[in-house]
Amino acid sequence: MADFAVFLTALKEQLNVTQSKIIAFGGSYGGMLAAYMRFKYPNIIDGCLASSAPIHMQDINSPRDFFFQHVTQNFRDINEKCYDSVKMAFQKMNNLAASGPSGLRVISEEFKLCTALEDDKSYQHLLGWIRSAFTVMAVLNYPYPTGFMGNLPGFPVKVGCEFIMNSTSLLEGLANAAGVFYNNSLQCYDIYSEFIECSDPSGCGSGPDAIAWDYQACTELLSPRGSNSVTDMFPVLPWNPELRAAYCQKKYGITPRDNWTAVQFWGQNIKSASNIIFSNGNLDPWMGGGVNEDLSESLVSVTVIGGAHHLDLRSSNQLDPPGVVLAREKEKAILRQWLS
């Protein structure tokens, strides 16, 4: 952020546009940074559009059990049978896993795993692999195909539910739905390269990027709670500040400072700021961590009806739902007002 502040100041001087105004744009973590730039450098950043930016979640005292509830609701809204089938499939998996090696062998075959499950640790990893696929489908539930974080079809939540409801068995349906994200055409799934457990239960991605995000989720960013199989459709995979602290200490020798982010970046106490649009799609599981009501005349909330994660900042598309088009028009009108 400081680098951007220095760069923008120098750039305006080099271009001889020192009187020009600057608007920060960002989505997801970038949306958080865009808002923080306005918080920290209002002398440089004149306004901001922060899309799908869960800044309230960075206060340790804010609710953080919203995420997997919202993922679940997205699938439930497609079809109640889809939701019921996912719940029953996980229960069947748990029963098979509890039966020992023979049950683990059945699960491995149903999911076409490259490496068969051997113990509870590998089984828990498979559960995380499945949950991660459903999470990505919900977060990136765009109305058209994308290659943003993997190759997904349009409305992947609907496609996943169709696989679930058209399959001959519960486990086949769950495996095929996960394959919407991991690629159904693969001969087998390498769940250890495709999913990496980390300090963010929503997922850290893969490769070197996953390590970087994992470290940052230990040092700077607070995460949502895990799944509980009561308020969501997923198996019990807990995550809380205590588990995060133990994980980060073991992995990196770091003890997270849970209260520091809210001090450094204001947490929920942001009413002294100005000129920020907070947009959130009603399909986005991160919505629960964001600003969803107007806090002042210039701290404005825009709800993107029919929008998934920062859809309003993606390029316009003929398949965009009307709610996204309306949200963009509202955002542009507000920005024009600030600039004038």
Protein backbone atom coordinates (compact mmCIF):
# COMPACT_ATOMS: atom_id res chain seq x y z
CA MET A 1 0.00 0.00 0.00
CA ALA A 2 2.80 2.40 0.82
CA ASP A 3 4.44 1.50 -2.49
CA PHE A 4 1.24 2.43 -4.32
CA ALA A 5 1.02 5.72 -2.43
CA VAL A 6 4.60 6.65 -3.40
CA PHE A 7 4.14 5.46 -6.98
CA LEU A 8 0.87 7.36 -7.55
CA THR A 9 2.34 10.57 -6.12
CA ALA A 10 5.37 10.31 -8.41
CA LEU A 11 3.28 9.34 -11.43
CA LYS A 12 1.02 12.39 -11.12
CA GLU A 13 4.09 14.62 -11.03
CA GLN A 14 5.69 12.91 -14.03
CA LEU A 15 2.49 13.22 -16.07
CA ASN A 16 1.94 16.79 -14.88
CA VAL A 17 -1.55 15.93 -13.61
CA THR A 18 -1.08 16.81 -9.95
CA GLN A 19 -4.66 18.14 -9.72
CA SER A 20 -6.21 14.92 -11.03
CA LYS A 21 -8.19 12.76 -8.65
CA ILE A 22 -7.54 9.07 -8.02
CA ILE A 23 -10.16 6.36 -7.47
CA ALA A 24 -9.08 2.98 -6.10
CA PHE A 25 -10.81 -0.13 -7.41
CA GLY A 26 -10.50 -3.65 -6.03
CA GLY A 27 -12.35 -6.92 -5.61
CA SER A 28 -12.08 -9.52 -2.83
CA TYR A 29 -8.74 -9.03 -1.00
CA GLY A 30 -8.04 -6.31 -3.56
CA GLY A 31 -11.29 -4.68 -2.47
CA MET A 32 -10.08 -4.69 1.11
CA LEU A 33 -6.82 -3.06 0.01
CA ALA A 34 -8.70 -0.45 -2.00
CA ALA A 35 -10.75 0.51 1.07
CA TYR A 36 -7.63 0.51 3.24
CA MET A 37 -5.90 2.85 0.75
CA ARG A 38 -8.74 5.33 1.26
CA PHE A 39 -8.51 4.86 5.04
CA LYS A 40 -4.75 5.32 5.16
CA TYR A 41 -4.06 7.74 2.32
CA PRO A 42 -7.11 10.01 1.87
CA ASN A 43 -4.65 12.71 0.78
CA ILE A 44 -3.84 10.56 -2.28
CA ILE A 45 -6.93 8.38 -2.85
CA ASP A 46 -10.05 10.48 -3.43
CA GLY A 47 -12.57 7.65 -3.52
CA CYS A 48 -12.88 3.89 -3.72
CA LEU A 49 -15.00 1.06 -5.06
CA ALA A 50 -14.44 -1.97 -2.80
CA SER A 51 -16.24 -4.98 -4.26
CA SER A 52 -16.78 -8.17 -2.23
CA ALA A 53 -14.43 -6.86 0.45
CA PRO A 54 -15.02 -8.66 3.80
CA ILE A 55 -13.39 -5.95 5.91
CA HIS A 56 -15.70 -6.45 8.91
CA MET A 57 -14.39 -9.99 9.26
CA GLN A 58 -10.99 -8.54 10.18
CA ASP A 59 -12.41 -7.61 13.57
CA ILE A 60 -11.93 -10.61 15.87
CA ASN A 61 -15.27 -9.79 17.52
CA SER A 62 -17.27 -9.84 14.29
CA PRO A 63 -19.41 -12.83 13.24
CA ARG A 64 -17.46 -15.38 11.22
CA ASP A 65 -19.84 -18.33 10.93
CA PHE A 66 -21.58 -16.96 7.83
CA PHE A 67 -19.39 -18.40 5.10
CA PHE A 68 -20.32 -22.09 4.80
CA GLN A 69 -23.93 -21.26 5.65
CA HIS A 70 -24.03 -19.06 2.55
CA VAL A 71 -22.29 -21.66 0.37
CA THR A 72 -24.90 -24.17 1.52
CA GLN A 73 -27.78 -21.80 0.84
CA ASN A 74 -26.61 -21.25 -2.73
CA PHE A 75 -26.93 -24.96 -3.45
CA ARG A 76 -30.16 -25.25 -1.46
CA ASP A 77 -31.69 -22.44 -3.49
CA ILE A 78 -31.17 -24.48 -6.65
CA ASN A 79 -33.04 -27.49 -5.32
CA GLU A 80 -33.81 -28.80 -1.85
CA LYS A 81 -33.06 -32.31 -3.12
CA CYS A 82 -29.54 -31.18 -4.03
CA TYR A 83 -28.96 -30.03 -0.45
CA ASP A 84 -30.46 -33.22 1.01
CA SER A 85 -28.35 -35.41 -1.25
CA VAL A 86 -25.12 -33.68 -0.25
CA LYS A 87 -25.95 -34.11 3.44
CA MET A 88 -26.78 -37.79 2.95
CA ALA A 89 -23.66 -38.38 0.84
CA PHE A 90 -21.38 -37.04 3.56
CA GLN A 91 -23.19 -39.15 6.16
CA LYS A 92 -22.72 -42.24 4.02
CA MET A 93 -19.03 -41.39 3.64
CA ASN A 94 -18.63 -41.05 7.40
CA ASN A 95 -20.29 -44.44 7.93
CA LEU A 96 -18.02 -46.08 5.37
CA ALA A 97 -14.91 -44.43 6.82
CA ALA A 98 -15.85 -45.63 10.29
CA SER A 99 -16.06 -49.22 9.02
CA GLY A 100 -12.31 -49.36 8.42
CA PRO A 101 -10.09 -50.20 5.42
CA SER A 102 -12.87 -51.74 3.36
CA GLY A 103 -14.97 -48.59 3.65
CA LEU A 104 -12.05 -46.36 2.76
CA ARG A 105 -11.45 -48.54 -0.29
CA VAL A 106 -15.04 -48.05 -1.46
CA ILE A 107 -14.75 -44.28 -1.03
CA SER A 108 -11.45 -44.22 -2.94
CA GLU A 109 -13.01 -46.11 -5.84
CA GLU A 110 -16.16 -43.98 -5.95
CA PHE A 111 -14.08 -40.78 -6.07
CA LYS A 112 -11.53 -42.18 -8.55
CA LEU A 113 -8.62 -41.21 -6.31
CA CYS A 114 -5.10 -41.59 -7.70
CA THR A 115 -3.89 -42.59 -4.22
CA ALA A 116 -6.24 -44.69 -2.13
CA LEU A 117 -7.25 -43.48 1.32
CA GLU A 118 -5.27 -45.17 4.08
CA ASP A 119 -6.38 -43.64 7.35
CA ASP A 120 -8.50 -40.95 8.97
CA LYS A 121 -5.98 -38.24 8.09
CA SER A 122 -6.27 -38.96 4.38
CA TYR A 123 -10.05 -39.20 4.71
CA GLN A 124 -10.22 -35.78 6.39
CA HIS A 125 -8.13 -34.39 3.54
CA LEU A 126 -10.64 -35.76 1.03
CA LEU A 127 -13.46 -34.04 2.92
CA GLY A 128 -11.57 -30.75 2.69
CA TRP A 129 -10.98 -31.35 -1.03
CA ILE A 130 -14.72 -31.80 -1.60
CA ARG A 131 -15.71 -28.81 0.52
CA SER A 132 -13.21 -26.63 -1.32
CA ALA A 133 -14.75 -27.52 -4.69
CA PHE A 134 -18.23 -26.57 -3.51
CA THR A 135 -16.82 -23.36 -2.05
CA VAL A 136 -15.20 -22.27 -5.31
CA MET A 137 -18.36 -23.08 -7.28
CA ALA A 138 -20.40 -20.89 -4.92
CA VAL A 139 -17.94 -18.00 -4.82
CA LEU A 140 -17.46 -17.98 -8.61
CA ASN A 141 -21.08 -18.69 -9.51
CA TYR A 142 -20.95 -16.48 -12.61
CA PRO A 143 -23.58 -16.71 -15.37
CA TYR A 144 -21.01 -17.58 -18.04
CA PRO A 145 -17.93 -19.87 -18.26
CA THR A 146 -14.75 -18.53 -16.63
CA GLY A 147 -11.12 -19.52 -16.20
CA PHE A 148 -10.54 -17.27 -13.21
CA MET A 149 -9.58 -19.89 -10.59
CA GLY A 150 -9.98 -23.00 -12.70
CA ASN A 151 -12.18 -23.71 -15.70
CA LEU A 152 -15.80 -23.45 -14.60
CA PRO A 153 -19.03 -23.56 -16.61
CA GLY A 154 -21.66 -20.86 -16.35
CA PHE A 155 -23.69 -21.15 -13.14
CA PRO A 156 -21.44 -23.91 -11.71
CA VAL A 157 -23.67 -24.32 -8.64
CA LYS A 158 -26.58 -25.31 -10.88
CA VAL A 159 -24.34 -27.63 -12.91
CA GLY A 160 -23.05 -29.26 -9.71
CA CYS A 161 -26.59 -29.84 -8.47
CA GLU A 162 -27.56 -31.38 -11.80
CA PHE A 163 -24.71 -33.88 -11.47
CA ILE A 164 -25.83 -34.70 -7.93
CA MET A 165 -29.47 -35.22 -8.81
CA ASN A 166 -28.81 -37.18 -12.02
CA SER A 167 -26.29 -39.64 -10.56
CA THR A 168 -27.05 -43.25 -9.75
CA SER A 169 -25.58 -43.09 -6.23
CA LEU A 170 -24.98 -40.50 -3.54
CA LEU A 171 -21.19 -40.79 -3.66
CA GLU A 172 -21.07 -40.72 -7.44
CA GLY A 173 -23.12 -37.52 -7.38
CA LEU A 174 -20.84 -35.89 -4.82
CA ALA A 175 -17.72 -36.92 -6.77
CA ASN A 176 -19.15 -35.65 -10.06
CA ALA A 177 -20.15 -32.35 -8.49
CA ALA A 178 -16.63 -31.85 -7.10
CA GLY A 179 -15.36 -32.68 -10.58
CA VAL A 180 -17.09 -29.57 -11.95
CA PHE A 181 -14.17 -27.71 -10.39
CA TYR A 182 -11.43 -30.33 -10.48
CA ASN A 183 -12.18 -31.51 -14.05
CA ASN A 184 -14.46 -34.52 -14.56
CA SER A 185 -12.44 -35.73 -17.54
CA LEU A 186 -9.43 -36.74 -15.41
CA GLN A 187 -8.78 -40.46 -15.05
CA CYS A 188 -8.14 -39.96 -11.35
CA TYR A 189 -7.98 -37.14 -8.82
CA ASP A 190 -4.75 -36.24 -7.04
CA ILE A 191 -6.35 -34.67 -3.99
CA TYR A 192 -2.97 -33.73 -2.47
CA SER A 193 -1.90 -31.50 -5.35
CA GLU A 194 -5.40 -30.20 -6.05
CA PHE A 195 -6.13 -29.18 -2.47
CA ILE A 196 -3.70 -27.90 0.15
CA GLU A 197 -4.81 -27.60 3.76
CA CYS A 198 -4.00 -24.19 5.17
CA SER A 199 -4.94 -21.49 7.65
CA ASP A 200 -7.86 -20.26 5.52
CA PRO A 201 -10.78 -22.75 5.50
CA SER A 202 -12.15 -21.17 2.33
CA GLY A 203 -8.99 -22.37 0.57
CA CYS A 204 -5.52 -21.07 -0.29
CA GLY A 205 -5.24 -22.27 -3.87
CA SER A 206 -2.27 -24.36 -4.98
CA GLY A 207 1.44 -24.01 -5.70
CA PRO A 208 3.62 -21.17 -4.35
CA ASP A 209 0.60 -18.84 -4.20
CA ALA A 210 -0.98 -21.14 -1.62
CA ILE A 211 2.09 -20.89 0.61
CA ALA A 212 2.08 -17.09 0.40
CA TRP A 213 -1.62 -16.83 1.22
CA ASP A 214 -1.29 -19.38 4.02
CA TYR A 215 1.46 -17.32 5.62
CA GLN A 216 -0.51 -14.10 5.27
CA ALA A 217 -3.59 -15.75 6.75
CA CYS A 218 -1.41 -16.50 9.77
CA THR A 219 0.11 -13.04 10.09
CA GLU A 220 -2.49 -10.53 8.85
CA LEU A 221 -5.85 -11.92 7.78
CA LEU A 222 -8.62 -13.40 9.90
CA SER A 223 -10.65 -16.25 8.40
CA PRO A 224 -14.23 -17.52 8.64
CA ARG A 225 -15.08 -20.41 10.94
CA GLY A 226 -15.16 -23.97 9.66
CA SER A 227 -18.16 -26.13 8.80
CA ASN A 228 -20.31 -27.80 11.45
CA SER A 229 -22.91 -29.96 9.62
CA VAL A 230 -25.68 -28.15 11.51
CA THR A 231 -26.00 -24.75 9.90
CA ASP A 232 -24.36 -26.01 6.70
CA MET A 233 -24.38 -29.18 4.58
CA PHE A 234 -20.71 -30.04 5.06
CA PRO A 235 -19.01 -32.45 7.47
CA VAL A 236 -17.61 -31.22 10.76
CA LEU A 237 -14.33 -29.56 9.81
CA PRO A 238 -13.81 -27.00 12.58
CA TRP A 239 -11.75 -23.84 12.39
CA ASN A 240 -11.52 -21.12 15.02
CA PRO A 241 -8.91 -18.69 16.42
CA GLU A 242 -7.49 -21.35 18.75
CA LEU A 243 -6.98 -23.89 15.96
CA ARG A 244 -5.51 -21.16 13.75
CA ALA A 245 -3.04 -20.18 16.46
CA ALA A 246 -1.91 -23.77 16.96
CA TYR A 247 -1.56 -24.35 13.21
CA CYS A 248 0.39 -21.14 12.57
CA GLN A 249 2.73 -21.78 15.48
CA LYS A 250 3.45 -25.32 14.30
CA LYS A 251 3.81 -24.40 10.61
CA TYR A 252 5.64 -21.06 10.77
CA GLY A 253 6.55 -20.49 14.41
CA ILE A 254 4.11 -17.56 14.43
CA THR A 255 1.49 -16.62 16.98
CA PRO A 256 -1.26 -14.60 15.25
CA ARG A 257 -2.11 -11.20 16.70
CA ASP A 258 -5.87 -11.46 16.53
CA ASN A 259 -6.57 -7.89 17.62
CA TRP A 260 -3.97 -6.14 15.49
CA THR A 261 -5.82 -6.14 12.14
CA ALA A 262 -8.79 -4.28 13.60
CA VAL A 263 -6.44 -1.72 15.15
CA GLN A 264 -4.39 -1.29 11.99
CA PHE A 265 -7.30 -1.35 9.52
CA TRP A 266 -10.22 -0.15 11.64
CA GLY A 267 -12.27 -3.38 11.83
CA GLN A 268 -15.96 -2.42 12.07
CA ASN A 269 -15.27 1.13 13.27
CA ILE A 270 -15.09 2.84 9.88
CA LYS A 271 -17.69 5.62 10.09
CA SER A 272 -15.05 8.34 10.12
CA ALA A 273 -14.07 7.35 6.57
CA SER A 274 -15.70 8.75 3.43
CA ASN A 275 -16.10 8.25 -0.32
CA ILE A 276 -16.20 4.45 -0.40
CA ILE A 277 -18.66 2.23 -2.24
CA PHE A 278 -18.95 -1.26 -0.74
CA SER A 279 -20.58 -3.62 -3.23
CA ASN A 280 -21.58 -7.20 -2.43
CA GLY A 281 -23.32 -9.80 -4.57
CA ASN A 282 -26.18 -11.61 -2.90
CA LEU A 283 -24.81 -14.92 -4.22
CA ASP A 284 -21.36 -14.32 -2.74
CA PRO A 285 -20.53 -16.30 0.43
CA TRP A 286 -18.18 -13.48 1.47
CA MET A 287 -21.10 -11.06 1.67
CA GLY A 288 -21.53 -11.76 5.40
CA GLY A 289 -18.12 -10.27 6.14
CA GLY A 290 -18.68 -7.07 4.21
CA VAL A 291 -20.45 -3.73 4.61
CA ASN A 292 -24.07 -4.29 3.62
CA GLU A 293 -25.75 -1.04 4.63
CA ASP A 294 -25.08 2.65 4.12
CA LEU A 295 -23.03 4.06 6.99
CA SER A 296 -23.14 7.69 5.83
CA GLU A 297 -23.88 9.72 2.72
CA SER A 298 -20.49 8.77 1.30
CA LEU A 299 -20.03 5.29 2.79
CA VAL A 300 -22.45 3.56 0.47
CA SER A 301 -23.53 -0.05 0.19
CA VAL A 302 -24.57 -1.48 -3.19
CA THR A 303 -26.15 -4.93 -3.30
CA VAL A 304 -25.55 -6.72 -6.59
CA ILE A 305 -28.64 -8.87 -7.11
CA GLY A 306 -27.71 -12.05 -8.95
CA GLY A 307 -24.02 -11.36 -8.46
CA ALA A 308 -21.33 -13.71 -7.21
CA HIS A 309 -17.85 -12.64 -6.06
CA HIS A 310 -17.05 -9.12 -7.40
CA LEU A 311 -19.05 -9.73 -10.59
CA ASP A 312 -19.61 -5.98 -10.92
CA LEU A 313 -15.88 -5.50 -11.59
CA ARG A 314 -15.71 -8.14 -14.30
CA SER A 315 -16.09 -7.14 -17.94
CA SER A 316 -19.65 -6.61 -19.11
CA ASN A 317 -21.22 -9.67 -20.70
CA GLN A 318 -24.49 -10.25 -22.52
CA LEU A 319 -25.32 -12.88 -19.89
CA ASP A 320 -24.95 -10.45 -16.98
CA PRO A 321 -28.09 -10.46 -14.80
CA PRO A 322 -30.04 -7.16 -14.66
CA GLY A 323 -28.97 -6.62 -11.05
CA VAL A 324 -25.31 -6.39 -12.05
CA VAL A 325 -26.04 -3.87 -14.81
CA LEU A 326 -28.03 -1.73 -12.38
CA ALA A 327 -25.28 -1.94 -9.74
CA ARG A 328 -22.64 -0.76 -12.21
CA GLU A 329 -24.78 2.19 -13.26
CA LYS A 330 -25.29 3.18 -9.62
CA GLU A 331 -21.57 2.87 -8.91
CA LYS A 332 -20.66 5.01 -11.91
CA ALA A 333 -23.16 7.68 -10.91
CA ILE A 334 -21.72 7.88 -7.40
CA LEU A 335 -18.14 8.06 -8.67
CA ARG A 336 -19.06 10.80 -11.15
CA GLN A 337 -20.62 12.77 -8.33
CA TRP A 338 -17.46 12.52 -6.23
CA LEU A 339 -15.21 13.44 -9.15
CA SER A 340 -17.27 16.53 -9.97
